[in-house]
Protein backbone atom coordinates (compact mmCIF):
# COMPACT_ATOMS: atom_id res chain seq x y z
CA MET A 1 -35.98 109.39 228.67
CA THR A 2 -34.92 110.79 225.32
CA PRO A 3 -32.07 113.33 225.43
CA GLN A 4 -32.96 116.77 224.16
CA PRO A 5 -30.53 118.98 222.19
CA ASP A 6 -30.29 121.52 225.02
CA ASP A 7 -29.77 118.94 227.82
CA PRO A 8 -26.42 119.24 229.63
CA GLU A 9 -23.99 116.40 228.87
CA GLY A 10 -24.10 115.31 232.50
CA LEU A 11 -27.80 114.41 232.17
CA ASP A 12 -27.45 112.31 229.02
CA PRO A 13 -28.83 108.85 229.97
CA ARG A 14 -26.80 107.20 227.21
CA ILE A 15 -23.58 107.86 229.13
CA ALA A 16 -23.17 104.81 231.37
CA HIS A 17 -19.78 105.65 232.94
CA ARG A 18 -18.24 108.87 234.19
CA ASP A 19 -14.94 109.52 235.96
CA VAL A 20 -15.24 112.30 238.52
CA SER A 21 -12.49 113.87 240.58
CA VAL A 22 -12.79 116.55 243.24
CA GLU A 23 -9.91 118.64 244.58
CA VAL A 24 -10.34 119.97 248.11
CA GLN A 25 -7.94 122.11 250.10
CA GLY A 26 -8.38 122.16 253.86
CA ILE A 27 -6.85 124.03 256.78
CA HIS A 28 -7.10 123.81 260.56
CA LEU A 29 -8.25 127.14 262.02
CA ASP A 30 -8.63 126.63 265.77
CA ARG A 31 -9.43 123.85 268.23
CA MET A 32 -11.86 121.70 266.20
CA THR A 33 -12.64 124.30 263.53
CA HIS A 34 -11.58 123.51 259.95
CA GLN A 35 -12.11 125.24 256.64
CA ALA A 36 -12.20 123.61 253.22
CA THR A 37 -12.26 125.11 249.74
CA VAL A 38 -13.78 123.29 246.78
CA GLY A 39 -13.61 125.28 243.57
CA GLN A 40 -15.03 128.72 244.35
CA PHE A 41 -16.81 127.61 247.54
CA THR A 42 -15.48 127.66 251.10
CA VAL A 43 -17.10 125.82 254.00
CA THR A 44 -16.21 125.82 257.68
CA SER A 45 -16.95 123.03 260.14
CA ASP A 46 -16.76 122.74 263.90
CA GLU A 47 -17.50 120.11 266.51
CA PRO A 48 -19.92 120.41 269.44
CA PRO A 49 -18.48 121.14 272.91
CA SER A 50 -18.84 117.45 273.83
CA LEU A 51 -16.18 116.73 271.18
CA GLY A 52 -13.90 119.66 272.03
CA GLY A 53 -15.32 122.25 269.63
CA ASP A 54 -17.20 125.52 270.00
CA ASP A 55 -20.31 124.56 267.95
CA GLU A 56 -19.99 127.73 265.81
CA HIS A 57 -20.33 125.99 262.43
CA PRO A 58 -22.04 122.85 261.13
CA TYR A 59 -20.73 119.54 262.39
CA PRO A 60 -18.57 117.88 259.69
CA LEU A 61 -21.07 115.05 259.23
CA ASP A 62 -23.81 117.62 258.57
CA TYR A 63 -22.13 118.34 255.23
CA PHE A 64 -22.41 114.65 254.30
CA GLY A 65 -26.10 114.78 255.13
CA VAL A 66 -26.57 117.79 252.87
CA GLY A 67 -24.85 115.93 250.05
CA VAL A 68 -27.17 112.96 250.41
CA VAL A 69 -30.41 114.95 250.15
CA THR A 70 -29.37 117.27 247.31
């Protein structure tokens, strides 16, 4: 794949190493409900009743699954 002049730097195949850091701020809201902010985005997670939650938001591991398929 030959880089094109308008390709973003992150897609340049000649770059073999990248350091990436992510800053996340999280808070406990209620019972098993938590909220995390990453940049401009906020996500809320909850556990199912079998784990003490109210099942009102995605299960925390659901977010990992989303990250794997995107």
